[in-house]
Structure formats: structure tokens, C-alpha cells
Amino acid sequence: MCIATIYFDDGRHRDKVMSDVVQIEAERDGFLLVTLFGEEKFIKGKLKSVDFLKEHSVIIQKKS
């Protein structure tokens, strides 16, 4: 099982949005995140990078 941590990146800082994410669903203007424990959160932004080899991280660029 792959569990990811989601971060927002504004070009200067990277802030953790959510940990233990097991499901990411692309929506029209963002992403629905679901954790291993069933917690859901919707975030607005666009996908910047995915790294499952080193950090198990997904970087979302904030929409301005």
C-alpha cells in the first residue's frame, strides 16, 4: 500500500496539507484527498510533482 503526504507549494514555501493519504481524486478545480482513516479534504490547486520513491509525497501548486 502506498500512503502519501500532500504538500502545498507557493514557489517559496512548502506546507503540509494532509498525511496518510491513500486516495486522490481529480476534480474540476482541485483534488479530493482521502486518508487511510476516511478523513476527506478538498483542496484547490494543480499537480506539480509526485514522488513515491523517496518521500511518498505529492506536491500541489496553490491556485492564486
Protein backbone atom coordinates (compact mmCIF):
# COMPACT_ATOMS: atom_id res chain seq x y z
CA MET A 1 0.00 0.00 0.00
CA CYS A 2 1.26 3.47 -0.83
CA ILE A 3 0.48 6.20 1.68
CA ALA A 4 1.34 9.77 0.68
CA THR A 5 1.79 13.15 2.29
CA ILE A 6 0.32 16.10 0.41
CA TYR A 7 2.03 19.50 0.36
CA PHE A 8 1.10 22.93 -0.98
CA ASP A 9 3.91 24.77 -2.77
CA ASP A 10 3.62 28.50 -3.44
CA GLY A 11 7.04 28.79 -5.06
CA ARG A 12 8.73 29.88 -1.83
CA HIS A 13 7.43 27.55 0.88
CA ARG A 14 6.13 24.01 1.09
CA ASP A 15 3.38 23.44 3.68
CA LYS A 16 1.96 20.06 4.68
CA VAL A 17 -1.74 19.75 3.86
CA MET A 18 -2.51 16.16 4.87
CA SER A 19 -0.74 12.92 5.84
CA ASP A 20 -1.72 9.26 5.40
CA VAL A 21 -3.44 9.94 2.06
CA VAL A 22 -4.44 6.78 0.21
CA GLN A 23 -6.76 8.23 -2.44
CA ILE A 24 -6.57 11.36 -4.61
CA GLU A 25 -9.42 12.21 -6.95
CA ALA A 26 -9.02 14.97 -9.54
CA GLU A 27 -11.94 17.37 -9.61
CA ARG A 28 -12.59 20.30 -11.91
CA ASP A 29 -10.70 22.88 -9.86
CA GLY A 30 -8.70 20.78 -7.40
CA PHE A 31 -8.37 17.43 -5.66
CA LEU A 32 -10.35 15.40 -3.15
CA LEU A 33 -7.96 13.76 -0.68
CA VAL A 34 -8.95 10.74 1.42
CA THR A 35 -6.84 9.38 4.27
CA LEU A 36 -6.37 5.83 5.47
CA PHE A 37 -8.83 6.70 8.26
CA GLY A 38 -11.56 8.01 5.93
CA GLU A 39 -10.97 11.74 6.54
CA GLU A 40 -11.70 13.79 3.41
CA LYS A 41 -10.43 17.20 2.36
CA PHE A 42 -10.87 19.19 -0.85
CA ILE A 43 -8.00 21.42 -1.97
CA LYS A 44 -7.73 23.81 -4.89
CA GLY A 45 -4.59 23.73 -6.99
CA LYS A 46 -2.79 21.94 -9.78
CA LEU A 47 -0.47 18.96 -9.63
CA LYS A 48 3.19 19.96 -9.53
CA SER A 49 5.01 16.67 -8.76
CA VAL A 50 4.65 13.15 -7.38
CA ASP A 51 7.50 11.29 -5.64
CA PHE A 52 6.73 7.79 -4.39
CA LEU A 53 10.36 6.65 -4.42
CA LYS A 54 11.92 8.98 -1.82
CA GLU A 55 9.23 10.83 0.12
CA HIS A 56 5.89 9.34 -0.86
CA SER A 57 4.84 12.93 -1.50
CA VAL A 58 2.51 14.79 -3.82
CA ILE A 59 3.14 18.49 -4.39
CA ILE A 60 0.17 20.70 -5.30
CA GLN A 61 0.76 24.22 -6.58
CA LYS A 62 -1.65 26.64 -4.91
CA LYS A 63 -4.11 28.46 -7.12
CA SER A 64 -3.85 32.20 -6.69
